[in-house]
Amino acid sequence: MPEQWSPQAATEAVLAVTRWYAEQIRKEQQSGAGPERLKTLKDGMAVCVADLEALQDAGPEEASEIGARYAVRAQELEGQ
């Protein structure tokens, strides 16, 4: 049985990934990163924002799916 995520827990998971993107964007801007890298990071952050909006009206199933997806994404980003 898949793990159940409350909308609040899913929101916290999305916010953690959003913070990662914000920090990376800041670092890349300071280091003079190329526009492609910044676009990739900004696109990732835009997905987070869309999912945060979706969570406002999400039912338990959708919240669980989003939370689980972001738990995996957070682990992937930690390895970078």
C-alpha atoms as a PDB file:
ATOM      1  CA  MET A   1       0.000   0.000   0.000  1.00  0.00           C
ATOM      2  CA  PRO A   2       1.439   3.398  -0.953  1.00  0.00           C
ATOM      3  CA  GLU A   3       2.285   5.872   1.768  1.00  0.00           C
ATOM      4  CA  GLN A   4      -0.494   8.362   2.539  1.00  0.00           C
ATOM      5  CA  TRP A   5       0.386  12.049   2.569  1.00  0.00           C
ATOM      6  CA  SER A   6      -1.785  14.729   4.104  1.00  0.00           C
ATOM      7  CA  PRO A   7      -2.117  17.925   2.061  1.00  0.00           C
ATOM      8  CA  GLN A   8      -0.008  19.697   4.711  1.00  0.00           C
ATOM      9  CA  ALA A   9       2.778  17.100   4.565  1.00  0.00           C
ATOM     10  CA  ALA A  10       2.736  17.152   0.767  1.00  0.00           C
ATOM     11  CA  THR A  11       2.937  20.950   0.831  1.00  0.00           C
ATOM     12  CA  GLU A  12       5.969  20.765   3.114  1.00  0.00           C
ATOM     13  CA  ALA A  13       7.634  18.302   0.724  1.00  0.00           C
ATOM     14  CA  VAL A  14       6.995  20.605  -2.244  1.00  0.00           C
ATOM     15  CA  LEU A  15       8.283  23.605  -0.281  1.00  0.00           C
ATOM     16  CA  ALA A  16      11.501  21.755   0.558  1.00  0.00           C
ATOM     17  CA  VAL A  17      12.159  21.144  -3.141  1.00  0.00           C
ATOM     18  CA  THR A  18      11.161  24.739  -3.941  1.00  0.00           C
ATOM     19  CA  ARG A  19      13.738  25.987  -1.436  1.00  0.00           C
ATOM     20  CA  TRP A  20      16.371  23.790  -3.087  1.00  0.00           C
ATOM     21  CA  TYR A  21      15.610  25.345  -6.476  1.00  0.00           C
ATOM     22  CA  ALA A  22      15.660  28.879  -5.021  1.00  0.00           C
ATOM     23  CA  GLU A  23      19.051  28.264  -3.419  1.00  0.00           C
ATOM     24  CA  GLN A  24      20.476  26.803  -6.622  1.00  0.00           C
ATOM     25  CA  ILE A  25      19.178  29.727  -8.677  1.00  0.00           C
ATOM     26  CA  ARG A  26      20.799  32.159  -6.240  1.00  0.00           C
ATOM     27  CA  LYS A  27      24.120  30.296  -6.367  1.00  0.00           C
ATOM     28  CA  GLU A  28      24.079  30.000 -10.140  1.00  0.00           C
ATOM     29  CA  GLN A  29      23.281  33.700 -10.570  1.00  0.00           C
ATOM     30  CA  GLN A  30      26.169  34.630  -8.286  1.00  0.00           C
ATOM     31  CA  SER A  31      28.575  32.381 -10.154  1.00  0.00           C
ATOM     32  CA  GLY A  32      27.538  33.656 -13.573  1.00  0.00           C
ATOM     33  CA  ALA A  33      25.892  30.453 -14.763  1.00  0.00           C
ATOM     34  CA  GLY A  34      24.745  30.148 -18.330  1.00  0.00           C
ATOM     35  CA  PRO A  35      21.165  30.903 -19.300  1.00  0.00           C
ATOM     36  CA  GLU A  36      20.360  27.241 -20.025  1.00  0.00           C
ATOM     37  CA  ARG A  37      21.165  26.153 -16.469  1.00  0.00           C
ATOM     38  CA  LEU A  38      19.132  29.023 -15.000  1.00  0.00           C
ATOM     39  CA  LYS A  39      16.216  28.201 -17.290  1.00  0.00           C
ATOM     40  CA  THR A  40      16.298  24.568 -16.188  1.00  0.00           C
ATOM     41  CA  LEU A  41      16.240  25.589 -12.533  1.00  0.00           C
ATOM     42  CA  LYS A  42      13.503  28.173 -13.044  1.00  0.00           C
ATOM     43  CA  ASP A  43      11.399  25.650 -14.954  1.00  0.00           C
ATOM     44  CA  GLY A  44      11.774  23.208 -12.055  1.00  0.00           C
ATOM     45  CA  MET A  45      10.673  25.884  -9.623  1.00  0.00           C
ATOM     46  CA  ALA A  46       7.657  26.716 -11.814  1.00  0.00           C
ATOM     47  CA  VAL A  47       6.539  23.082 -11.582  1.00  0.00           C
ATOM     48  CA  CYS A  48       6.777  23.333  -7.796  1.00  0.00           C
ATOM     49  CA  VAL A  49       4.630  26.474  -7.776  1.00  0.00           C
ATOM     50  CA  ALA A  50       2.011  24.767  -9.961  1.00  0.00           C
ATOM     51  CA  ASP A  51       1.939  21.773  -7.619  1.00  0.00           C
ATOM     52  CA  LEU A  52       1.583  24.051  -4.581  1.00  0.00           C
ATOM     53  CA  GLU A  53      -1.442  25.606  -6.255  1.00  0.00           C
ATOM     54  CA  ALA A  54      -2.857  22.166  -7.078  1.00  0.00           C
ATOM     55  CA  LEU A  55      -2.481  21.118  -3.440  1.00  0.00           C
ATOM     56  CA  GLN A  56      -4.829  23.888  -2.313  1.00  0.00           C
ATOM     57  CA  ASP A  57      -7.773  21.948  -3.751  1.00  0.00           C
ATOM     58  CA  ALA A  58      -6.276  18.456  -3.736  1.00  0.00           C
ATOM     59  CA  GLY A  59      -8.052  15.499  -2.284  1.00  0.00           C
ATOM     60  CA  PRO A  60      -6.257  12.821  -0.273  1.00  0.00           C
ATOM     61  CA  GLU A  61      -5.276  10.782  -3.340  1.00  0.00           C
ATOM     62  CA  GLU A  62      -3.783  13.699  -5.243  1.00  0.00           C
ATOM     63  CA  ALA A  63      -1.991  14.989  -2.123  1.00  0.00           C
ATOM     64  CA  SER A  64      -0.470  11.549  -1.584  1.00  0.00           C
ATOM     65  CA  GLU A  65       0.683  11.349  -5.181  1.00  0.00           C
ATOM     66  CA  ILE A  66       2.263  14.798  -5.082  1.00  0.00           C
ATOM     67  CA  GLY A  67       3.882  14.166  -1.695  1.00  0.00           C
ATOM     68  CA  ALA A  68       5.363  10.865  -2.803  1.00  0.00           C
ATOM     69  CA  ARG A  69       6.670  12.424  -6.030  1.00  0.00           C
ATOM     70  CA  TYR A  70       8.386  15.219  -4.127  1.00  0.00           C
ATOM     71  CA  ALA A  71       9.884  12.852  -1.566  1.00  0.00           C
ATOM     72  CA  VAL A  72      11.591  11.049  -4.452  1.00  0.00           C
ATOM     73  CA  ARG A  73      12.577  14.341  -6.105  1.00  0.00           C
ATOM     74  CA  ALA A  74      14.116  15.634  -2.864  1.00  0.00           C
ATOM     75  CA  GLN A  75      16.267  12.504  -2.626  1.00  0.00           C
ATOM     76  CA  GLU A  76      17.360  12.915  -6.253  1.00  0.00           C
ATOM     77  CA  LEU A  77      18.293  16.556  -5.691  1.00  0.00           C
ATOM     78  CA  GLU A  78      20.264  15.770  -2.527  1.00  0.00           C
ATOM     79  CA  GLY A  79      22.517  13.565  -4.637  1.00  0.00           C
ATOM     80  CA  GLN A  80      23.419  16.429  -6.965  1.00  0.00           C
END
